[in-house]
Amino acid sequence: MEDNNNMNDPSVPGTSSASFERVGQNPENPEDEAARLFEDYIRERESAATEIYNTELPTEHAYLGKMERVEGVDYLEPGKIYRLPIYTHHSIIYPGEIVPLMLNDFNLYDGRPSDSSDGLKFGLVFQNQYSDGGRVYGVTCQVYERGAEGLSALLKTVAQQRFYIVRQSQERRADVKILPEIVLPDPLISSCSNAMVRFANSSRKDRLTSFKRLLTQSTAWPQFVYDQYDTKEVMAKVERFLSSLKITSVQTDEVKLSFWLARNIPLTEEYRKMIFCTDSVLHRMLIINKALDHMWYFICKRCESEIANYDDMFAMSKQGVQTSYCNPAGYVHDTLTVHKTKENSTLPVERPSTNFSWFPGYSWQIIVCANCRQHLGWKFVAEKKNVLPKSFYGLSGTNITVKSHGDLKKTDDDDDITDRAAANEEQLDYEGLFELESSSSDSDEGFY
């Protein structure tokens, strides 16, 4: 990356003020002008030959091999109880995520009714959500592609709806209650008459602001009270955040956007759980709003050495900056892509390989923490010279965490949410759930 501060530095070759002048404007330095024209010509040729990586490729998970399409995208009704096959997962999965899986239960769907219209569906529960007397949360996964039958079930799934377990049954199944997604209307707009609603649909922000200010004069509460329930501020921060990452395509639906942001902005594990457990879209956005007020950096989970800054993130996949990928052992890595890591913070080990590469056209090499030798992720290098980015890093979400330059304190409302999530009227036998394992455990996680 070029340093813009050197553009007018005479000590840097080819950057003097004379080199930027047009032909005929500086006849005393024709050699500088010729050199500038030649540099422009070379730059144009290099730009024309450069290939920008197709971010659609990682979402296809082609490393899993040839798979067949599975029909069925029906949703389950919120508030109702369903019996589903259940498997454990090591991290939180939000609705909307694509999750590749390799499960050791090849008879997973033998008991599915032949006339079922909802396709192949099961639930993932999160191992780190277990707590004494608390609920066990999870997410339904709809299979949209599956591999050939064998000793394990090879699947591409999309996470759909949140749930918590009501009671455990036999043979890897459990009764789960589907959680709702509550979208509250604007408290000011919903209080005005039908004749006035048309003024709230103005495309001009200044008119809408003036209209809301007028409405507050006829209510019992001042405007700042209603502003606490307005997502305008957080959406402005989100737009600035996405612009810094050069991400232009995101979800427009409020529910989907809240989950997408929870996955793609730096958050502590505590706040990720809090966002998952709350049913209110507004409260999720307010938590995200608080997180965007802080400058974050990524650290090694074992020794807390600084690894990368949040502004090093970029989207190598169309799904966002953090995506799930499955290794040959069946372990799913939540992988965060960054342009670079801090100098001398990581060390590459072993030789580069293209086998089972999550990013077609790139070789991968394991990297470890330079301080404690903890596995942190992988360095990816393009096989072709003209592909951009030429290299980048994938950090494993299992072994890194985030830290703020300022303290992110919980409010009383946040504590109240956590307490409510832990209060479970329907007790559950947790010991049996620990027996529900996917095809890999922590011991066979592997480094790729």
Protein backbone atom coordinates (compact mmCIF):
# COMPACT_ATOMS: atom_id res chain seq x y z
CA MET A 1 0.00 0.00 0.00
CA GLU A 2 1.40 3.40 -0.99
CA ASP A 3 2.09 6.02 1.64
CA ASN A 4 0.20 9.18 0.69
CA ASN A 5 2.51 11.21 2.93
CA ASN A 6 5.36 10.60 0.49
CA MET A 7 3.51 11.94 -2.56
CA ASN A 8 5.26 15.33 -2.35
CA ASP A 9 8.46 14.15 -0.72
CA PRO A 10 11.39 15.07 -3.02
CA SER A 11 13.47 12.31 -1.42
CA VAL A 12 11.16 9.67 -2.92
CA PRO A 13 11.96 8.93 -6.57
CA GLY A 14 9.28 10.05 -9.03
CA THR A 15 7.22 12.04 -6.50
CA SER A 16 8.53 15.60 -6.93
CA SER A 17 6.04 18.30 -7.80
CA ALA A 18 7.52 18.52 -11.29
CA SER A 19 6.59 14.91 -12.01
CA PHE A 20 2.88 15.72 -11.64
CA GLU A 21 2.77 18.57 -14.13
CA ARG A 22 1.22 18.24 -17.55
CA VAL A 23 3.18 18.13 -20.81
CA GLY A 24 4.17 21.63 -21.85
CA GLN A 25 3.61 23.09 -18.39
CA ASN A 26 7.18 22.47 -17.27
CA PRO A 27 9.45 22.53 -20.33
CA GLU A 28 12.55 22.86 -18.13
CA ASN A 29 12.18 19.21 -16.89
CA PRO A 30 11.21 17.09 -19.93
CA GLU A 31 12.98 14.05 -18.45
CA ASP A 32 10.80 14.14 -15.34
CA GLU A 33 7.70 14.43 -17.50
CA ALA A 34 8.76 11.48 -19.64
CA ALA A 35 9.45 9.42 -16.52
CA ARG A 36 5.97 10.26 -15.17
CA LEU A 37 4.29 9.24 -18.41
CA PHE A 38 6.21 5.96 -18.40
CA GLU A 39 5.20 5.25 -14.79
CA ASP A 40 1.55 5.98 -15.65
CA TYR A 41 1.78 3.59 -18.59
CA ILE A 42 3.21 0.80 -16.43
CA ARG A 43 0.61 1.42 -13.72
CA GLU A 44 -2.24 1.20 -16.25
CA ARG A 45 -0.86 -2.06 -17.67
CA GLU A 46 -0.55 -3.56 -14.19
CA SER A 47 -4.06 -2.45 -13.28
CA ALA A 48 -5.49 -3.98 -16.45
CA ALA A 49 -3.78 -7.29 -15.72
CA THR A 50 -4.92 -7.40 -12.07
CA GLU A 51 -7.65 -9.86 -11.10
CA ILE A 52 -9.78 -9.08 -8.05
CA TYR A 53 -10.65 -12.24 -6.12
CA ASN A 54 -14.21 -13.47 -6.50
CA THR A 55 -15.71 -13.43 -2.99
CA GLU A 56 -18.48 -15.79 -4.13
CA LEU A 57 -16.02 -18.71 -4.23
CA PRO A 58 -15.53 -19.20 -0.44
CA THR A 59 -19.31 -19.37 0.11
CA GLU A 60 -19.50 -22.41 -2.18
CA HIS A 61 -17.23 -24.50 0.09
CA ALA A 62 -15.95 -26.37 -2.96
CA TYR A 63 -13.29 -28.11 -0.84
CA LEU A 64 -16.06 -30.44 0.43
CA GLY A 65 -16.36 -31.99 -3.01
CA LYS A 66 -19.38 -32.64 -5.20
CA MET A 67 -22.71 -32.41 -3.41
CA GLU A 68 -26.37 -32.70 -4.36
CA ARG A 69 -29.09 -30.11 -3.82
CA VAL A 70 -31.65 -30.60 -1.03
CA GLU A 71 -35.03 -28.88 -1.27
CA GLY A 72 -36.95 -27.34 1.62
CA VAL A 73 -36.74 -23.92 3.25
CA ASP A 74 -39.83 -23.84 5.49
CA TYR A 75 -39.68 -21.98 8.79
CA LEU A 76 -40.98 -23.21 12.13
CA GLU A 77 -43.63 -21.22 13.99
CA PRO A 78 -42.25 -19.11 16.87
CA GLY A 79 -43.51 -20.12 20.32
CA LYS A 80 -44.24 -23.71 19.33
CA ILE A 81 -42.33 -26.80 20.47
CA TYR A 82 -40.75 -29.16 17.91
CA ARG A 83 -38.69 -32.33 18.20
CA LEU A 84 -35.41 -32.10 16.30
CA PRO A 85 -32.12 -33.98 15.98
CA ILE A 86 -29.59 -32.08 18.11
CA TYR A 87 -25.81 -31.69 17.81
CA THR A 88 -23.37 -29.58 19.80
CA HIS A 89 -21.19 -26.81 18.42
CA HIS A 90 -18.26 -24.99 20.02
CA SER A 91 -19.36 -21.42 19.22
CA ILE A 92 -22.45 -19.31 18.66
CA ILE A 93 -24.06 -19.49 15.22
CA TYR A 94 -26.44 -16.70 14.24
CA PRO A 95 -29.43 -17.04 11.90
CA GLY A 96 -28.41 -16.39 8.30
CA GLU A 97 -24.95 -17.96 8.52
CA ILE A 98 -23.83 -20.68 6.14
CA VAL A 99 -22.33 -23.55 8.15
CA PRO A 100 -20.52 -26.50 6.54
CA LEU A 101 -20.65 -29.62 8.72
CA MET A 102 -19.27 -33.14 8.84
CA LEU A 103 -21.42 -35.13 11.29
CA ASN A 104 -20.69 -38.68 12.40
CA ASP A 105 -24.37 -39.67 12.32
CA PHE A 106 -24.98 -40.97 8.79
CA ASN A 107 -28.45 -42.18 9.85
CA LEU A 108 -29.45 -38.63 10.77
CA TYR A 109 -32.55 -38.51 8.58
CA ASP A 110 -33.68 -42.12 8.57
CA GLY A 111 -36.51 -41.25 10.94
CA ARG A 112 -37.74 -38.27 8.91
CA PRO A 113 -41.25 -38.70 7.50
CA SER A 114 -41.25 -39.23 3.75
CA ASP A 115 -43.95 -36.57 3.28
CA SER A 116 -42.07 -33.91 5.24
CA SER A 117 -42.09 -30.57 3.42
CA ASP A 118 -39.47 -28.77 5.49
CA GLY A 119 -36.48 -30.55 4.00
CA LEU A 120 -33.58 -31.73 6.12
CA LYS A 121 -33.45 -29.81 9.40
CA PHE A 122 -31.71 -30.22 12.75
CA GLY A 123 -30.52 -28.09 15.67
CA LEU A 124 -27.09 -26.94 16.81
CA VAL A 125 -26.66 -26.13 20.50
CA PHE A 126 -23.67 -24.26 21.86
CA GLN A 127 -21.32 -25.95 24.28
CA ASN A 128 -20.25 -22.67 25.88
CA GLN A 129 -23.90 -21.84 26.68
CA TYR A 130 -24.18 -24.54 29.38
CA SER A 131 -24.71 -23.18 32.88
CA ASP A 132 -26.22 -24.59 36.04
CA GLY A 133 -29.94 -23.94 36.04
CA GLY A 134 -29.80 -21.98 32.77
CA ARG A 135 -31.25 -22.54 29.34
CA VAL A 136 -29.41 -24.27 26.54
CA TYR A 137 -29.73 -22.21 23.39
CA GLY A 138 -29.28 -23.24 19.80
CA VAL A 139 -30.20 -22.54 16.21
CA THR A 140 -32.06 -24.59 13.60
CA CYS A 141 -30.05 -25.51 10.53
CA GLN A 142 -31.61 -26.20 7.13
CA VAL A 143 -29.58 -28.45 4.83
CA TYR A 144 -29.40 -27.15 1.25
CA GLU A 145 -26.66 -29.47 -0.06
CA ARG A 146 -25.46 -32.88 1.08
CA GLY A 147 -22.61 -35.16 0.05
CA ALA A 148 -22.68 -38.81 -0.89
CA GLU A 149 -23.70 -41.22 1.85
CA GLY A 150 -20.86 -42.69 3.85
CA LEU A 151 -19.57 -43.03 7.40
CA SER A 152 -20.38 -39.39 8.07
CA ALA A 153 -22.93 -36.88 6.85
CA LEU A 154 -21.31 -34.12 4.79
CA LEU A 155 -23.60 -31.09 4.75
CA LYS A 156 -23.91 -27.47 3.74
CA THR A 157 -26.47 -25.77 5.95
CA VAL A 158 -27.93 -22.34 6.59
CA ALA A 159 -28.81 -21.32 10.16
CA GLN A 160 -32.41 -20.14 10.43
CA GLN A 161 -34.13 -19.74 13.81
CA ARG A 162 -33.09 -19.47 17.45
CA PHE A 163 -34.47 -21.87 20.06
CA TYR A 164 -33.91 -23.20 23.55
CA ILE A 165 -34.24 -26.81 24.69
CA VAL A 166 -37.36 -27.66 26.67
CA ARG A 167 -36.59 -31.30 27.33
CA GLN A 168 -34.20 -33.93 26.11
CA SER A 169 -35.42 -37.13 24.50
CA GLN A 170 -33.61 -40.22 23.30
CA GLU A 171 -31.37 -40.81 20.27
CA ARG A 172 -29.85 -37.36 19.88
CA ARG A 173 -33.21 -35.62 19.80
CA ALA A 174 -34.73 -32.90 21.94
CA ASP A 175 -37.90 -30.84 22.22
CA VAL A 176 -37.07 -27.24 21.37
CA LYS A 177 -39.09 -24.03 21.61
CA ILE A 178 -38.65 -21.61 18.69
CA LEU A 179 -37.90 -18.07 19.84
CA PRO A 180 -39.67 -15.03 18.33
CA GLU A 181 -38.09 -12.01 16.66
CA ILE A 182 -39.71 -8.90 18.14
CA VAL A 183 -39.60 -5.75 16.02
CA LEU A 184 -41.14 -2.82 17.87
CA PRO A 185 -42.61 0.09 15.87
CA ASP A 186 -41.31 3.62 16.26
CA PRO A 187 -42.93 4.80 19.54
CA LEU A 188 -43.55 8.30 18.18
CA ILE A 189 -44.91 7.33 14.77
CA SER A 190 -47.18 4.67 16.23
CA SER A 191 -48.75 7.24 18.54
CA CYS A 192 -49.84 9.68 15.82
CA SER A 193 -53.13 9.58 13.94
CA ASN A 194 -53.59 7.91 10.56
CA ALA A 195 -53.93 11.32 8.91
CA MET A 196 -50.47 12.27 10.18
CA VAL A 197 -48.66 9.04 9.29
CA ARG A 198 -48.10 10.18 5.70
CA PHE A 199 -45.73 12.88 6.97
CA ALA A 200 -43.60 10.19 8.61
CA ASN A 201 -42.89 8.59 5.22
CA SER A 202 -40.96 11.57 3.90
CA SER A 203 -37.68 10.66 2.20
CA ARG A 204 -36.06 13.83 3.51
CA LYS A 205 -34.42 13.28 6.88
CA ASP A 206 -34.72 16.92 7.92
CA ARG A 207 -38.50 16.84 7.43
CA LEU A 208 -38.83 13.59 9.36
CA THR A 209 -36.77 15.06 12.23
CA SER A 210 -38.94 18.17 12.31
CA PHE A 211 -42.08 16.04 12.25
CA LYS A 212 -40.91 13.97 15.23
CA ARG A 213 -39.96 17.12 17.12
CA LEU A 214 -43.49 18.40 16.55
CA LEU A 215 -45.01 15.12 17.76
CA THR A 216 -43.06 15.18 21.04
CA GLN A 217 -44.71 18.50 21.95
CA SER A 218 -48.02 16.68 22.28
CA THR A 219 -46.70 13.76 24.35
CA ALA A 220 -45.90 13.33 28.02
CA TRP A 221 -42.21 12.56 27.43
CA PRO A 222 -39.42 14.79 26.08
CA GLN A 223 -37.75 13.90 22.80
CA PHE A 224 -34.56 12.45 24.29
CA VAL A 225 -36.66 9.62 25.80
CA TYR A 226 -37.88 8.59 22.35
CA ASP A 227 -34.39 8.99 20.90
CA GLN A 228 -33.29 6.10 23.11
CA TYR A 229 -35.53 3.83 21.02
CA ASP A 230 -34.44 5.20 17.66
CA THR A 231 -31.95 3.22 15.57
CA LYS A 232 -30.96 6.26 13.48
CA GLU A 233 -27.76 6.80 15.46
CA VAL A 234 -26.65 3.18 15.34
CA MET A 235 -27.39 2.92 11.60
CA ALA A 236 -25.20 5.98 10.96
CA LYS A 237 -22.37 4.29 12.89
CA VAL A 238 -22.96 1.04 11.02
CA GLU A 239 -22.71 2.83 7.67
CA ARG A 240 -19.39 4.41 8.68
CA PHE A 241 -18.10 1.05 9.92
CA LEU A 242 -19.08 -0.73 6.68
CA SER A 243 -17.59 2.08 4.61
CA SER A 244 -14.25 1.67 6.42
CA LEU A 245 -14.30 -2.04 5.54
CA LYS A 246 -15.42 -1.28 1.95
CA ILE A 247 -18.48 -3.50 2.37
CA THR A 248 -21.34 -2.25 0.18
CA SER A 249 -23.81 -5.13 0.23
CA VAL A 250 -25.50 -6.05 3.52
CA GLN A 251 -28.90 -7.20 4.73
CA THR A 252 -31.66 -4.59 4.71
CA ASP A 253 -34.09 -6.53 6.89
CA GLU A 254 -33.73 -5.38 10.52
CA VAL A 255 -33.69 -8.89 11.99
CA LYS A 256 -31.14 -10.25 9.51
CA LEU A 257 -29.01 -7.11 9.78
CA SER A 258 -28.83 -7.35 13.59
CA PHE A 259 -27.49 -10.91 13.36
CA TRP A 260 -25.12 -10.07 10.50
CA LEU A 261 -23.62 -7.22 12.53
CA ALA A 262 -23.30 -9.42 15.62
CA ARG A 263 -21.21 -11.78 13.53
CA ASN A 264 -19.10 -9.21 11.70
CA ILE A 265 -18.23 -6.50 14.23
CA PRO A 266 -15.74 -7.01 17.08
CA LEU A 267 -17.63 -8.12 20.18
CA THR A 268 -16.72 -9.94 23.37
CA GLU A 269 -18.13 -13.44 23.84
CA GLU A 270 -20.35 -12.12 26.62
CA TYR A 271 -22.00 -9.62 24.32
CA ARG A 272 -22.34 -12.16 21.51
CA LYS A 273 -24.32 -14.38 23.86
CA MET A 274 -26.40 -11.45 25.04
CA ILE A 275 -27.30 -10.49 21.46
CA PHE A 276 -28.24 -14.09 20.68
CA CYS A 277 -30.44 -14.52 23.75
CA THR A 278 -32.52 -11.35 23.43
CA ASP A 279 -35.68 -11.47 21.31
CA SER A 280 -35.79 -7.71 20.74
CA VAL A 281 -34.17 -6.47 17.55
CA LEU A 282 -34.01 -2.97 19.02
CA HIS A 283 -32.05 -4.14 22.07
CA ARG A 284 -29.59 -6.00 19.82
CA MET A 285 -28.99 -2.82 17.85
CA LEU A 286 -28.46 -0.82 21.04
CA ILE A 287 -25.80 -3.31 22.20
CA ILE A 288 -24.15 -3.03 18.78
CA ASN A 289 -24.37 0.77 19.06
CA LYS A 290 -22.42 0.64 22.31
CA ALA A 291 -19.77 -1.64 20.81
CA LEU A 292 -19.21 0.67 17.85
CA ASP A 293 -18.24 3.46 20.27
CA HIS A 294 -15.03 1.59 21.10
CA MET A 295 -11.79 0.88 19.29
CA TRP A 296 -11.11 -2.84 19.36
CA TYR A 297 -8.13 -5.04 18.69
CA PHE A 298 -7.70 -8.78 18.52
CA ILE A 299 -5.56 -10.62 21.05
CA CYS A 300 -4.36 -14.16 21.64
CA LYS A 301 -6.80 -15.86 23.98
CA ARG A 302 -4.00 -17.62 25.88
CA CYS A 303 -1.39 -14.89 26.49
CA GLU A 304 -3.34 -11.75 25.45
CA SER A 305 -0.66 -10.62 23.00
CA GLU A 306 -1.98 -8.10 20.48
CA ILE A 307 -2.46 -9.73 17.07
CA ALA A 308 -4.40 -7.30 14.81
CA ASN A 309 -6.50 -4.14 14.83
CA TYR A 310 -10.19 -4.07 13.96
CA ASP A 311 -9.49 -1.83 10.95
CA ASP A 312 -7.34 -4.63 9.50
CA MET A 313 -10.52 -6.65 8.88
CA PHE A 314 -11.89 -7.08 5.38
CA ALA A 315 -14.43 -9.32 3.67
CA MET A 316 -12.76 -12.12 1.73
CA SER A 317 -16.13 -13.87 1.52
CA LYS A 318 -19.45 -12.46 0.38
CA GLN A 319 -20.84 -13.51 3.78
CA GLY A 320 -18.67 -10.98 5.61
CA VAL A 321 -15.42 -10.73 7.54
CA GLN A 322 -16.04 -13.82 9.70
CA THR A 323 -17.16 -17.09 8.13
CA SER A 324 -17.31 -20.76 9.13
CA TYR A 325 -15.15 -23.33 7.31
CA CYS A 326 -14.81 -27.06 7.92
CA ASN A 327 -11.46 -28.88 8.08
CA PRO A 328 -10.87 -32.50 6.94
CA ALA A 329 -11.37 -33.74 10.53
CA GLY A 330 -14.85 -32.19 10.68
CA TYR A 331 -13.94 -29.30 12.99
CA VAL A 332 -15.63 -26.02 12.04
CA HIS A 333 -13.36 -22.98 12.31
CA ASP A 334 -14.91 -19.53 12.68
CA THR A 335 -12.40 -17.64 10.57
CA LEU A 336 -11.86 -13.87 10.64
CA THR A 337 -10.01 -12.43 7.63
CA VAL A 338 -7.55 -9.56 8.10
CA HIS A 339 -5.16 -7.85 5.70
CA LYS A 340 -2.23 -8.19 8.07
CA THR A 341 -1.21 -9.00 11.62
CA LYS A 342 0.94 -6.96 13.99
CA GLU A 343 4.63 -7.07 13.22
CA ASN A 344 6.35 -10.00 14.98
CA SER A 345 3.04 -11.15 16.53
CA THR A 346 2.73 -14.41 14.56
CA LEU A 347 5.03 -17.11 13.25
CA PRO A 348 4.38 -19.42 10.27
CA VAL A 349 4.95 -23.13 10.84
CA GLU A 350 5.10 -26.08 8.44
CA ARG A 351 5.07 -25.70 4.67
CA PRO A 352 2.38 -23.97 2.61
CA SER A 353 -0.29 -26.25 1.12
CA THR A 354 -3.17 -25.93 -1.34
CA ASN A 355 -4.91 -29.11 -0.16
CA PHE A 356 -8.49 -28.53 1.08
CA SER A 357 -8.04 -24.76 0.68
CA TRP A 358 -11.05 -22.74 1.84
CA PHE A 359 -10.11 -20.02 -0.65
CA PRO A 360 -9.62 -21.52 -4.13
CA GLY A 361 -6.43 -20.20 -5.71
CA TYR A 362 -4.67 -19.63 -2.37
CA SER A 363 -2.22 -21.76 -0.45
CA TRP A 364 -2.44 -21.83 3.34
CA GLN A 365 0.17 -22.02 6.08
CA ILE A 366 -0.43 -22.44 9.81
CA ILE A 367 0.49 -19.47 12.01
CA VAL A 368 1.04 -19.50 15.78
CA CYS A 369 1.39 -16.79 18.42
CA ALA A 370 4.99 -15.60 18.52
CA ASN A 371 4.78 -15.29 22.31
CA CYS A 372 3.06 -18.49 23.53
CA ARG A 373 2.98 -20.65 20.34
CA GLN A 374 -0.81 -20.96 20.50
CA HIS A 375 -2.39 -21.78 17.13
CA LEU A 376 -3.94 -18.55 15.83
CA GLY A 377 -4.93 -19.31 12.26
CA TRP A 378 -3.43 -19.34 8.80
CA LYS A 379 -1.65 -17.20 6.27
CA PHE A 380 -3.07 -17.40 2.76
CA VAL A 381 -0.98 -16.55 -0.31
CA ALA A 382 -2.29 -16.26 -3.88
CA GLU A 383 -0.96 -18.83 -6.33
CA LYS A 384 -1.24 -16.37 -9.24
CA LYS A 385 0.85 -13.21 -9.26
CA ASN A 386 -1.87 -10.91 -10.61
CA VAL A 387 -4.58 -11.77 -8.02
CA LEU A 388 -5.54 -9.31 -5.30
CA PRO A 389 -5.17 -9.59 -2.39
CA LYS A 390 -1.78 -11.18 -2.84
CA SER A 391 -1.91 -12.46 0.74
CA PHE A 392 -4.04 -12.20 3.88
CA TYR A 393 -4.56 -13.89 7.24
CA GLY A 394 -7.39 -15.99 8.60
CA LEU A 395 -7.64 -15.85 12.41
CA SER A 396 -9.37 -18.70 14.23
CA GLY A 397 -12.22 -17.40 16.38
CA THR A 398 -11.59 -20.24 18.84
CA ASN A 399 -8.15 -18.94 19.79
CA ILE A 400 -8.50 -15.17 19.59
CA THR A 401 -10.68 -12.71 21.44
CA VAL A 402 -11.23 -8.96 21.39
CA LYS A 403 -10.18 -6.22 23.75
CA SER A 404 -11.29 -2.61 23.80
CA HIS A 405 -9.05 0.43 24.16
CA GLY A 406 -11.71 1.61 26.61
CA ASP A 407 -13.68 -0.40 29.15
CA LEU A 408 -17.03 -1.62 27.86
CA LYS A 409 -19.20 -1.68 30.94
CA LYS A 410 -22.50 -3.52 31.23
CA THR A 411 -25.57 -1.50 32.13
CA ASP A 412 -28.29 -2.54 34.56
CA ASP A 413 -30.51 -3.38 31.57
CA ASP A 414 -27.83 -5.69 30.20
CA ASP A 415 -27.59 -7.49 33.54
CA ASP A 416 -31.37 -7.86 33.54
CA ILE A 417 -31.28 -9.56 30.15
CA THR A 418 -28.61 -11.98 31.31
CA ASP A 419 -30.60 -12.82 34.44
CA ARG A 420 -33.78 -13.43 32.48
CA ALA A 421 -31.93 -15.67 30.03
CA ALA A 422 -30.56 -17.73 32.91
CA ALA A 423 -33.97 -18.16 34.54
CA ASN A 424 -35.41 -21.36 33.16
CA GLU A 425 -38.75 -22.68 34.33
CA GLU A 426 -38.26 -26.01 32.57
CA GLN A 427 -35.30 -27.88 34.01
CA LEU A 428 -33.13 -29.99 31.75
CA ASP A 429 -30.89 -33.02 32.09
CA TYR A 430 -27.57 -31.50 30.95
CA GLU A 431 -25.42 -34.58 31.36
CA GLY A 432 -27.12 -36.28 28.45
CA LEU A 433 -26.53 -33.29 26.18
CA PHE A 434 -22.78 -33.49 26.61
CA GLU A 435 -22.94 -36.85 24.87
CA LEU A 436 -24.21 -35.26 21.65
CA GLU A 437 -21.02 -34.76 19.71
CA SER A 438 -20.23 -33.93 16.10
CA SER A 439 -17.59 -35.82 14.16
CA SER A 440 -14.73 -34.02 15.91
CA SER A 441 -13.92 -33.06 19.48
CA ASP A 442 -11.49 -30.56 20.93
CA SER A 443 -8.75 -33.20 20.86
CA ASP A 444 -9.00 -33.72 17.08
CA GLU A 445 -9.62 -30.10 16.17
CA GLY A 446 -6.50 -29.99 14.02
CA PHE A 447 -4.88 -26.82 12.73
CA TYR A 448 -6.66 -26.99 9.38
